[in-house]
N, C-alpha and C. Protein backbone atom coordinates (compact mmCIF):
# COMPACT_ATOMS: atom_id res chain seq x y z
N MET A 1 -0.46 4.56 6.23
CA MET A 1 -1.07 5.74 6.77
C MET A 1 -1.98 5.33 7.91
N ARG A 2 -1.84 5.92 9.03
CA ARG A 2 -2.63 5.54 10.19
C ARG A 2 -3.69 6.59 10.46
N GLY A 3 -4.85 6.12 10.83
CA GLY A 3 -5.95 7.01 11.18
C GLY A 3 -5.91 7.38 12.64
N THR A 4 -6.92 8.06 13.09
CA THR A 4 -6.97 8.50 14.48
C THR A 4 -7.10 7.32 15.44
N THR A 5 -7.56 6.17 14.95
CA THR A 5 -7.68 5.00 15.80
C THR A 5 -6.36 4.25 15.92
N GLY A 6 -5.35 4.67 15.19
CA GLY A 6 -4.05 4.01 15.24
C GLY A 6 -3.95 2.81 14.32
N ARG A 7 -4.96 2.57 13.48
CA ARG A 7 -4.87 1.45 12.56
C ARG A 7 -4.90 1.97 11.13
N VAL A 8 -4.48 1.13 10.21
CA VAL A 8 -4.50 1.52 8.80
C VAL A 8 -5.96 1.61 8.38
N PRO A 9 -6.42 2.76 7.87
CA PRO A 9 -7.84 2.94 7.60
C PRO A 9 -8.43 1.96 6.59
N ILE A 10 -7.65 1.46 5.66
CA ILE A 10 -8.22 0.62 4.61
C ILE A 10 -8.31 -0.85 5.01
N LEU A 11 -7.73 -1.23 6.15
CA LEU A 11 -7.78 -2.63 6.57
C LEU A 11 -8.93 -2.83 7.56
N PRO A 12 -9.72 -3.88 7.35
CA PRO A 12 -10.87 -4.12 8.22
C PRO A 12 -10.43 -4.69 9.57
N LYS A 13 -11.27 -4.47 10.57
CA LYS A 13 -11.00 -5.04 11.88
C LYS A 13 -11.10 -6.56 11.81
N ASP A 14 -12.14 -7.05 11.11
CA ASP A 14 -12.34 -8.48 10.95
C ASP A 14 -11.84 -8.90 9.57
N ARG A 15 -10.83 -9.74 9.56
CA ARG A 15 -10.22 -10.16 8.29
C ARG A 15 -11.11 -11.16 7.56
N ASP A 16 -11.14 -11.06 6.26
CA ASP A 16 -11.87 -11.98 5.40
C ASP A 16 -10.95 -13.14 5.05
N PRO A 17 -11.29 -14.38 5.42
CA PRO A 17 -10.40 -15.52 5.14
C PRO A 17 -10.13 -15.72 3.65
N ARG A 18 -11.00 -15.18 2.79
CA ARG A 18 -10.76 -15.30 1.35
C ARG A 18 -9.56 -14.48 0.92
N LEU A 19 -9.13 -13.52 1.77
CA LEU A 19 -7.99 -12.65 1.45
C LEU A 19 -6.79 -12.93 2.35
N ILE A 20 -6.80 -14.09 2.98
CA ILE A 20 -5.67 -14.55 3.79
C ILE A 20 -5.15 -15.81 3.11
N THR A 21 -3.84 -15.88 2.94
CA THR A 21 -3.28 -17.02 2.23
C THR A 21 -3.52 -18.33 2.99
N ILE A 22 -3.54 -19.40 2.25
CA ILE A 22 -3.78 -20.73 2.81
C ILE A 22 -2.77 -21.02 3.92
N ARG A 23 -1.51 -20.68 3.70
CA ARG A 23 -0.49 -20.99 4.72
C ARG A 23 -0.67 -20.20 6.01
N ARG A 24 -1.49 -19.14 5.95
CA ARG A 24 -1.78 -18.36 7.17
C ARG A 24 -3.19 -18.65 7.70
N GLY A 25 -3.82 -19.72 7.20
CA GLY A 25 -5.11 -20.13 7.72
C GLY A 25 -6.32 -19.66 6.93
N GLY A 26 -6.10 -19.00 5.81
CA GLY A 26 -7.21 -18.54 4.98
C GLY A 26 -7.42 -19.46 3.79
N THR A 27 -8.05 -18.93 2.76
CA THR A 27 -8.34 -19.73 1.57
C THR A 27 -7.72 -19.16 0.30
N LEU A 28 -6.96 -18.08 0.40
CA LEU A 28 -6.38 -17.44 -0.78
C LEU A 28 -5.20 -18.26 -1.30
N THR A 29 -5.28 -18.66 -2.57
CA THR A 29 -4.18 -19.41 -3.18
C THR A 29 -3.05 -18.46 -3.56
N ASP A 30 -1.88 -19.00 -3.76
CA ASP A 30 -0.75 -18.17 -4.20
C ASP A 30 -1.05 -17.53 -5.55
N GLU A 31 -1.68 -18.29 -6.45
CA GLU A 31 -2.00 -17.75 -7.77
C GLU A 31 -2.93 -16.54 -7.66
N HIS A 32 -3.96 -16.63 -6.83
CA HIS A 32 -4.89 -15.51 -6.68
C HIS A 32 -4.24 -14.36 -5.93
N HIS A 33 -3.35 -14.66 -4.99
CA HIS A 33 -2.60 -13.61 -4.29
C HIS A 33 -1.78 -12.81 -5.31
N GLN A 34 -1.13 -13.51 -6.22
CA GLN A 34 -0.33 -12.84 -7.24
C GLN A 34 -1.21 -12.03 -8.18
N LEU A 35 -2.39 -12.53 -8.52
CA LEU A 35 -3.31 -11.76 -9.37
C LEU A 35 -3.76 -10.48 -8.68
N LEU A 36 -4.04 -10.56 -7.38
CA LEU A 36 -4.41 -9.36 -6.62
C LEU A 36 -3.26 -8.36 -6.61
N ALA A 37 -2.05 -8.88 -6.41
CA ALA A 37 -0.88 -8.00 -6.39
C ALA A 37 -0.69 -7.33 -7.74
N ASP A 38 -0.81 -8.09 -8.80
CA ASP A 38 -0.62 -7.54 -10.14
C ASP A 38 -1.65 -6.46 -10.44
N TRP A 39 -2.91 -6.71 -10.06
CA TRP A 39 -3.96 -5.71 -10.27
C TRP A 39 -3.66 -4.45 -9.45
N ALA A 40 -3.28 -4.60 -8.20
CA ALA A 40 -2.96 -3.45 -7.35
C ALA A 40 -1.79 -2.66 -7.94
N LEU A 41 -0.80 -3.34 -8.45
CA LEU A 41 0.35 -2.67 -9.06
C LEU A 41 -0.07 -1.92 -10.32
N ASP A 42 -0.98 -2.50 -11.09
CA ASP A 42 -1.51 -1.79 -12.27
C ASP A 42 -2.22 -0.51 -11.84
N CYS A 43 -3.02 -0.59 -10.77
CA CYS A 43 -3.74 0.59 -10.27
C CYS A 43 -2.75 1.68 -9.88
N ALA A 44 -1.72 1.30 -9.15
CA ALA A 44 -0.72 2.27 -8.70
C ALA A 44 0.06 2.86 -9.87
N GLU A 45 0.44 2.01 -10.80
CA GLU A 45 1.22 2.47 -11.94
C GLU A 45 0.41 3.43 -12.82
N HIS A 46 -0.89 3.24 -12.86
CA HIS A 46 -1.76 4.08 -13.68
C HIS A 46 -1.71 5.55 -13.24
N VAL A 47 -1.54 5.79 -11.94
CA VAL A 47 -1.49 7.17 -11.43
C VAL A 47 -0.09 7.62 -11.06
N LEU A 48 0.89 6.75 -11.20
CA LEU A 48 2.27 7.10 -10.83
C LEU A 48 2.78 8.37 -11.50
N PRO A 49 2.40 8.67 -12.75
CA PRO A 49 2.86 9.92 -13.35
C PRO A 49 2.51 11.16 -12.52
N LEU A 50 1.45 11.10 -11.75
CA LEU A 50 1.08 12.25 -10.91
C LEU A 50 2.14 12.52 -9.85
N PHE A 51 2.81 11.48 -9.41
CA PHE A 51 3.93 11.67 -8.48
C PHE A 51 5.19 12.06 -9.24
N GLU A 52 5.49 11.33 -10.30
CA GLU A 52 6.74 11.55 -11.02
C GLU A 52 6.81 12.92 -11.69
N GLU A 53 5.68 13.48 -12.10
CA GLU A 53 5.68 14.83 -12.66
C GLU A 53 6.05 15.86 -11.60
N HIS A 54 5.68 15.60 -10.37
CA HIS A 54 5.96 16.53 -9.28
C HIS A 54 7.34 16.29 -8.65
N GLN A 55 7.76 15.04 -8.60
CA GLN A 55 9.02 14.66 -7.95
C GLN A 55 9.85 13.78 -8.90
N PRO A 56 10.34 14.31 -10.00
CA PRO A 56 11.02 13.46 -10.99
C PRO A 56 12.30 12.79 -10.47
N GLN A 57 12.90 13.33 -9.44
CA GLN A 57 14.13 12.73 -8.92
C GLN A 57 13.87 11.66 -7.86
N ASP A 58 12.65 11.52 -7.41
CA ASP A 58 12.33 10.57 -6.34
C ASP A 58 11.75 9.30 -6.95
N SER A 59 12.53 8.25 -6.95
CA SER A 59 12.12 7.00 -7.59
C SER A 59 11.49 6.00 -6.62
N ARG A 60 11.32 6.36 -5.36
CA ARG A 60 10.84 5.39 -4.37
C ARG A 60 9.50 4.74 -4.73
N PRO A 61 8.49 5.48 -5.17
CA PRO A 61 7.24 4.78 -5.54
C PRO A 61 7.43 3.82 -6.72
N ARG A 62 8.19 4.23 -7.73
CA ARG A 62 8.44 3.33 -8.87
C ARG A 62 9.22 2.10 -8.43
N VAL A 63 10.20 2.28 -7.58
CA VAL A 63 10.98 1.14 -7.07
C VAL A 63 10.07 0.19 -6.29
N ALA A 64 9.14 0.75 -5.53
CA ALA A 64 8.19 -0.10 -4.79
C ALA A 64 7.33 -0.93 -5.75
N ILE A 65 6.86 -0.29 -6.81
CA ILE A 65 6.06 -1.02 -7.80
C ILE A 65 6.91 -2.12 -8.44
N GLU A 66 8.14 -1.80 -8.78
CA GLU A 66 9.03 -2.81 -9.37
C GLU A 66 9.30 -3.95 -8.40
N ALA A 67 9.41 -3.64 -7.11
CA ALA A 67 9.61 -4.70 -6.11
C ALA A 67 8.38 -5.61 -6.05
N GLY A 68 7.20 -5.03 -6.10
CA GLY A 68 5.99 -5.85 -6.12
C GLY A 68 5.94 -6.76 -7.33
N ARG A 69 6.32 -6.22 -8.48
CA ARG A 69 6.35 -7.05 -9.70
C ARG A 69 7.42 -8.15 -9.58
N GLY A 70 8.54 -7.80 -8.94
CA GLY A 70 9.57 -8.80 -8.69
C GLY A 70 9.09 -9.92 -7.79
N TRP A 71 8.28 -9.58 -6.80
CA TRP A 71 7.72 -10.61 -5.92
C TRP A 71 6.84 -11.57 -6.72
N ILE A 72 6.04 -11.04 -7.62
CA ILE A 72 5.18 -11.89 -8.45
C ILE A 72 6.03 -12.87 -9.26
N ARG A 73 7.13 -12.40 -9.81
CA ARG A 73 8.03 -13.24 -10.61
C ARG A 73 8.83 -14.21 -9.75
N GLY A 74 8.91 -13.95 -8.44
CA GLY A 74 9.73 -14.79 -7.55
C GLY A 74 11.14 -14.28 -7.40
N ASP A 75 11.41 -13.06 -7.87
CA ASP A 75 12.76 -12.48 -7.80
C ASP A 75 13.00 -11.65 -6.54
N VAL A 76 11.93 -11.26 -5.86
CA VAL A 76 12.02 -10.38 -4.70
C VAL A 76 11.28 -11.03 -3.54
N ARG A 77 11.87 -11.00 -2.36
CA ARG A 77 11.22 -11.55 -1.18
C ARG A 77 10.09 -10.63 -0.72
N MET A 78 9.10 -11.21 -0.08
CA MET A 78 7.98 -10.44 0.44
C MET A 78 8.48 -9.33 1.36
N THR A 79 9.44 -9.63 2.22
CA THR A 79 9.93 -8.63 3.17
C THR A 79 10.59 -7.45 2.46
N ASP A 80 11.24 -7.71 1.34
CA ASP A 80 11.86 -6.62 0.59
C ASP A 80 10.80 -5.74 -0.10
N SER A 81 9.76 -6.37 -0.63
CA SER A 81 8.68 -5.60 -1.23
C SER A 81 7.99 -4.76 -0.15
N ARG A 82 7.79 -5.34 1.01
CA ARG A 82 7.17 -4.61 2.12
C ARG A 82 8.03 -3.42 2.54
N ARG A 83 9.33 -3.61 2.58
CA ARG A 83 10.24 -2.51 2.94
C ARG A 83 10.15 -1.38 1.92
N MET A 84 10.02 -1.73 0.65
CA MET A 84 9.87 -0.71 -0.40
C MET A 84 8.53 0.00 -0.27
N ALA A 85 7.52 -0.69 0.26
CA ALA A 85 6.22 -0.05 0.50
C ALA A 85 6.38 1.09 1.49
N PHE A 86 7.15 0.87 2.54
CA PHE A 86 7.39 1.93 3.52
C PHE A 86 8.14 3.11 2.88
N GLU A 87 9.05 2.81 1.98
CA GLU A 87 9.78 3.87 1.28
C GLU A 87 8.84 4.71 0.40
N ALA A 88 7.94 4.03 -0.30
CA ALA A 88 6.98 4.77 -1.13
C ALA A 88 6.08 5.63 -0.25
N ASN A 89 5.66 5.10 0.88
CA ASN A 89 4.83 5.89 1.80
C ASN A 89 5.59 7.11 2.30
N ALA A 90 6.87 6.96 2.56
CA ALA A 90 7.68 8.10 3.01
C ALA A 90 7.77 9.16 1.92
N ALA A 91 7.79 8.75 0.67
CA ALA A 91 7.84 9.70 -0.45
C ALA A 91 6.59 10.56 -0.52
N ALA A 92 5.51 10.10 0.11
CA ALA A 92 4.24 10.83 0.07
C ALA A 92 4.22 12.05 0.99
N ARG A 93 5.22 12.18 1.83
CA ARG A 93 5.23 13.30 2.77
C ARG A 93 5.55 14.62 2.07
N ASP A 94 4.82 15.64 2.46
CA ASP A 94 5.10 17.01 2.03
C ASP A 94 5.02 17.23 0.52
N VAL A 95 4.12 16.53 -0.13
CA VAL A 95 3.86 16.77 -1.55
C VAL A 95 2.35 17.03 -1.72
N PRO A 96 1.94 17.67 -2.79
CA PRO A 96 0.51 17.94 -3.02
C PRO A 96 -0.29 16.63 -3.10
N ASP A 97 -1.57 16.74 -2.85
CA ASP A 97 -2.42 15.54 -2.77
C ASP A 97 -2.33 14.60 -3.96
N PRO A 98 -2.37 15.04 -5.20
CA PRO A 98 -2.29 14.04 -6.29
C PRO A 98 -1.00 13.21 -6.20
N ALA A 99 0.12 13.86 -5.94
CA ALA A 99 1.39 13.15 -5.82
C ALA A 99 1.40 12.28 -4.57
N LYS A 100 0.88 12.80 -3.48
CA LYS A 100 0.84 12.05 -2.22
C LYS A 100 0.02 10.77 -2.39
N PHE A 101 -1.17 10.90 -2.94
CA PHE A 101 -2.03 9.73 -3.09
C PHE A 101 -1.43 8.72 -4.07
N ALA A 102 -0.75 9.19 -5.10
CA ALA A 102 -0.09 8.28 -6.05
C ALA A 102 1.02 7.50 -5.36
N ALA A 103 1.82 8.17 -4.53
CA ALA A 103 2.89 7.48 -3.80
C ALA A 103 2.30 6.49 -2.80
N LEU A 104 1.23 6.88 -2.13
CA LEU A 104 0.59 5.96 -1.18
C LEU A 104 -0.02 4.76 -1.89
N SER A 105 -0.52 4.96 -3.10
CA SER A 105 -1.03 3.85 -3.89
C SER A 105 0.10 2.86 -4.18
N ALA A 106 1.26 3.38 -4.56
CA ALA A 106 2.42 2.50 -4.81
C ALA A 106 2.82 1.76 -3.54
N GLY A 107 2.80 2.45 -2.41
CA GLY A 107 3.13 1.80 -1.15
C GLY A 107 2.16 0.68 -0.81
N GLN A 108 0.88 0.94 -0.99
CA GLN A 108 -0.12 -0.10 -0.72
C GLN A 108 0.08 -1.29 -1.67
N ALA A 109 0.33 -1.02 -2.94
CA ALA A 109 0.52 -2.10 -3.91
C ALA A 109 1.72 -2.96 -3.56
N ALA A 110 2.81 -2.33 -3.14
CA ALA A 110 4.01 -3.09 -2.78
C ALA A 110 3.82 -3.87 -1.48
N ALA A 111 2.81 -3.53 -0.70
CA ALA A 111 2.51 -4.24 0.54
C ALA A 111 1.59 -5.44 0.33
N VAL A 112 1.01 -5.60 -0.85
CA VAL A 112 0.12 -6.73 -1.11
C VAL A 112 0.82 -8.07 -0.90
N PRO A 113 2.08 -8.24 -1.26
CA PRO A 113 2.72 -9.52 -0.97
C PRO A 113 2.68 -9.88 0.53
N HIS A 114 2.71 -8.89 1.38
CA HIS A 114 2.64 -9.11 2.83
C HIS A 114 1.21 -9.36 3.29
N VAL A 115 0.28 -8.50 2.90
CA VAL A 115 -1.13 -8.62 3.27
C VAL A 115 -1.95 -8.34 2.01
N ALA A 116 -2.63 -9.36 1.52
CA ALA A 116 -3.36 -9.24 0.26
C ALA A 116 -4.38 -8.12 0.29
N GLU A 117 -4.96 -7.83 1.45
CA GLU A 117 -6.00 -6.81 1.54
C GLU A 117 -5.51 -5.40 1.23
N HIS A 118 -4.21 -5.22 1.10
CA HIS A 118 -3.69 -3.91 0.68
C HIS A 118 -4.03 -3.62 -0.78
N ASP A 119 -4.54 -4.61 -1.50
CA ASP A 119 -4.92 -4.37 -2.90
C ASP A 119 -5.92 -3.23 -3.01
N LEU A 120 -6.92 -3.21 -2.11
CA LEU A 120 -7.90 -2.14 -2.16
C LEU A 120 -7.30 -0.81 -1.74
N GLY A 121 -6.29 -0.83 -0.90
CA GLY A 121 -5.60 0.42 -0.55
C GLY A 121 -4.96 1.04 -1.77
N ALA A 122 -4.30 0.21 -2.58
CA ALA A 122 -3.68 0.71 -3.80
C ALA A 122 -4.74 1.32 -4.72
N ALA A 123 -5.85 0.61 -4.87
CA ALA A 123 -6.92 1.09 -5.74
C ALA A 123 -7.55 2.37 -5.18
N ALA A 124 -7.82 2.38 -3.87
CA ALA A 124 -8.48 3.54 -3.26
C ALA A 124 -7.61 4.79 -3.36
N TYR A 125 -6.33 4.66 -3.06
CA TYR A 125 -5.45 5.84 -3.17
C TYR A 125 -5.31 6.29 -4.61
N ALA A 126 -5.31 5.36 -5.56
CA ALA A 126 -5.25 5.75 -6.97
C ALA A 126 -6.50 6.55 -7.35
N ILE A 127 -7.65 6.12 -6.86
CA ILE A 127 -8.89 6.85 -7.13
C ILE A 127 -8.82 8.24 -6.50
N ARG A 128 -8.30 8.31 -5.29
CA ARG A 128 -8.17 9.62 -4.65
C ARG A 128 -7.19 10.51 -5.42
N ALA A 129 -6.12 9.94 -5.94
CA ALA A 129 -5.15 10.71 -6.73
C ALA A 129 -5.83 11.28 -7.98
N ALA A 130 -6.62 10.45 -8.65
CA ALA A 130 -7.31 10.90 -9.86
C ALA A 130 -8.27 12.04 -9.55
N GLY A 131 -8.96 11.95 -8.43
CA GLY A 131 -9.88 13.02 -8.05
C GLY A 131 -9.18 14.29 -7.63
N ALA A 132 -7.99 14.14 -7.02
CA ALA A 132 -7.26 15.31 -6.52
C ALA A 132 -6.57 16.08 -7.64
N ARG A 133 -6.39 15.48 -8.79
CA ARG A 133 -5.66 16.14 -9.88
C ARG A 133 -6.52 17.11 -10.68
N VAL A 134 -7.83 17.10 -10.43
CA VAL A 134 -8.74 17.96 -11.19
C VAL A 134 -9.44 18.93 -10.25
N SER A 135 -10.18 19.85 -10.81
CA SER A 135 -10.93 20.81 -10.00
C SER A 135 -11.98 20.07 -9.17
N PRO A 136 -12.37 20.64 -8.04
CA PRO A 136 -13.39 19.99 -7.20
C PRO A 136 -14.69 19.69 -7.96
N SER A 137 -15.04 20.53 -8.91
CA SER A 137 -16.28 20.29 -9.66
C SER A 137 -16.18 19.07 -10.58
N ASP A 138 -14.95 18.67 -10.93
CA ASP A 138 -14.75 17.50 -11.80
C ASP A 138 -14.28 16.26 -11.04
N ALA A 139 -14.07 16.38 -9.73
CA ALA A 139 -13.46 15.30 -8.95
C ALA A 139 -14.30 14.03 -8.94
N ALA A 140 -15.59 14.14 -8.74
CA ALA A 140 -16.43 12.93 -8.69
C ALA A 140 -16.37 12.18 -10.01
N ARG A 141 -16.39 12.89 -11.10
CA ARG A 141 -16.32 12.27 -12.43
C ARG A 141 -14.95 11.59 -12.63
N ALA A 142 -13.87 12.24 -12.20
CA ALA A 142 -12.53 11.66 -12.33
C ALA A 142 -12.38 10.41 -11.46
N ARG A 143 -12.92 10.46 -10.24
CA ARG A 143 -12.85 9.29 -9.36
C ARG A 143 -13.63 8.12 -9.97
N ALA A 144 -14.81 8.39 -10.49
CA ALA A 144 -15.62 7.33 -11.10
C ALA A 144 -14.92 6.74 -12.32
N ALA A 145 -14.30 7.58 -13.12
CA ALA A 145 -13.59 7.08 -14.31
C ALA A 145 -12.42 6.19 -13.90
N GLU A 146 -11.68 6.59 -12.87
CA GLU A 146 -10.56 5.77 -12.39
C GLU A 146 -11.07 4.45 -11.84
N ARG A 147 -12.12 4.49 -11.05
CA ARG A 147 -12.70 3.26 -10.48
C ARG A 147 -13.16 2.33 -11.61
N ASP A 148 -13.81 2.89 -12.63
CA ASP A 148 -14.28 2.06 -13.74
C ASP A 148 -13.10 1.47 -14.51
N TRP A 149 -12.04 2.26 -14.72
CA TRP A 149 -10.85 1.75 -15.40
C TRP A 149 -10.26 0.58 -14.60
N GLN A 150 -10.16 0.76 -13.29
CA GLN A 150 -9.61 -0.30 -12.44
C GLN A 150 -10.42 -1.58 -12.56
N ARG A 151 -11.73 -1.44 -12.53
CA ARG A 151 -12.59 -2.63 -12.61
C ARG A 151 -12.44 -3.34 -13.95
N GLN A 152 -12.16 -2.60 -15.00
CA GLN A 152 -11.93 -3.22 -16.31
C GLN A 152 -10.63 -4.03 -16.31
N GLN A 153 -9.70 -3.70 -15.43
CA GLN A 153 -8.42 -4.39 -15.38
C GLN A 153 -8.46 -5.66 -14.52
N LEU A 154 -9.53 -5.85 -13.76
CA LEU A 154 -9.61 -6.99 -12.84
C LEU A 154 -9.53 -8.32 -13.58
N PRO A 155 -8.62 -9.20 -13.14
CA PRO A 155 -8.58 -10.54 -13.73
C PRO A 155 -9.86 -11.30 -13.36
N GLY A 156 -10.38 -12.06 -14.29
CA GLY A 156 -11.62 -12.81 -14.07
C GLY A 156 -11.59 -13.70 -12.85
N ALA A 157 -10.46 -14.31 -12.56
CA ALA A 157 -10.36 -15.26 -11.46
C ALA A 157 -10.58 -14.62 -10.09
N VAL A 158 -10.33 -13.32 -9.97
CA VAL A 158 -10.50 -12.64 -8.67
C VAL A 158 -11.51 -11.50 -8.74
N ARG A 159 -12.15 -11.35 -9.86
CA ARG A 159 -13.07 -10.23 -10.07
C ARG A 159 -14.17 -10.16 -9.01
N GLU A 160 -14.91 -11.23 -8.83
CA GLU A 160 -16.03 -11.21 -7.87
C GLU A 160 -15.53 -11.02 -6.44
N LEU A 161 -14.39 -11.59 -6.11
CA LEU A 161 -13.80 -11.41 -4.78
C LEU A 161 -13.51 -9.93 -4.54
N VAL A 162 -12.88 -9.27 -5.50
CA VAL A 162 -12.52 -7.86 -5.33
C VAL A 162 -13.78 -6.99 -5.29
N LEU A 163 -14.72 -7.24 -6.18
CA LEU A 163 -15.94 -6.43 -6.19
C LEU A 163 -16.72 -6.59 -4.87
N ASP A 164 -16.77 -7.80 -4.35
CA ASP A 164 -17.42 -8.02 -3.06
C ASP A 164 -16.66 -7.30 -1.94
N ASP A 165 -15.35 -7.37 -1.98
CA ASP A 165 -14.53 -6.70 -0.97
C ASP A 165 -14.69 -5.18 -1.07
N GLN A 166 -14.82 -4.67 -2.29
CA GLN A 166 -15.05 -3.23 -2.44
C GLN A 166 -16.37 -2.81 -1.79
N ARG A 167 -17.41 -3.62 -1.98
CA ARG A 167 -18.69 -3.31 -1.33
C ARG A 167 -18.55 -3.37 0.19
N ARG A 168 -17.83 -4.36 0.66
CA ARG A 168 -17.68 -4.58 2.10
C ARG A 168 -16.84 -3.49 2.76
N ARG A 169 -15.81 -3.02 2.07
CA ARG A 169 -14.87 -2.08 2.70
C ARG A 169 -14.94 -0.64 2.20
N SER A 170 -15.87 -0.33 1.34
CA SER A 170 -15.91 1.02 0.79
C SER A 170 -16.00 2.08 1.89
N ALA A 171 -16.74 1.81 2.93
CA ALA A 171 -16.90 2.80 4.01
C ALA A 171 -15.58 3.14 4.68
N ILE A 172 -14.67 2.18 4.78
CA ILE A 172 -13.37 2.48 5.41
C ILE A 172 -12.33 2.89 4.38
N CYS A 173 -12.75 2.93 3.12
CA CYS A 173 -11.88 3.39 2.02
C CYS A 173 -12.44 4.67 1.42
N TRP A 174 -12.93 5.56 2.28
CA TRP A 174 -13.41 6.87 1.88
C TRP A 174 -14.57 6.81 0.88
N HIS A 175 -15.26 5.69 0.84
CA HIS A 175 -16.42 5.48 -0.05
C HIS A 175 -16.06 5.60 -1.53
N VAL A 176 -14.80 5.39 -1.87
CA VAL A 176 -14.39 5.56 -3.27
C VAL A 176 -14.91 4.45 -4.18
N PHE A 177 -15.38 3.33 -3.59
CA PHE A 177 -15.87 2.23 -4.42
C PHE A 177 -17.39 2.24 -4.56
N ASP A 178 -18.05 3.24 -3.97
CA ASP A 178 -19.50 3.34 -4.09
C ASP A 178 -19.87 3.68 -5.53
N ASP A 179 -20.86 2.98 -6.03
CA ASP A 179 -21.33 3.27 -7.40
C ASP A 179 -22.28 4.45 -7.39
């Protein structure tokens, strides 16, 4: 999803080397990259029913999540998972917000193999999906509950990295990570 500046809103202008893989000049190990991907996929899968209830015949977001899981196992190439991310994003068109945000969460999660920083995109869109599924008066509570659930799922090895990144990028992620 592109903002008015022409860039993906959830990605920072200045990249954090802790979220760039070692082979690309950063410090992120393959093991931690996979943990970030797995967490992002869990976030997306948690809200996927919001899409599937509205579009039961459209499997693109689920296929994207499965591609991301395949990448973790070594069965799917990064480029194929990334291609499925675009498919999940396309599924988000012309559907109500809860379904749209759930599909976009799946797309972001499937893009983590390509760019680890998409992990927060998956989490942020999942939080937005949770908030969009309830009345406006209950939205803040639903978003907080989803954010808290996500944080409980964080693997210990990347927990502080993700929490620090959430503080750093919350402003470009619609402030969904603000406590």
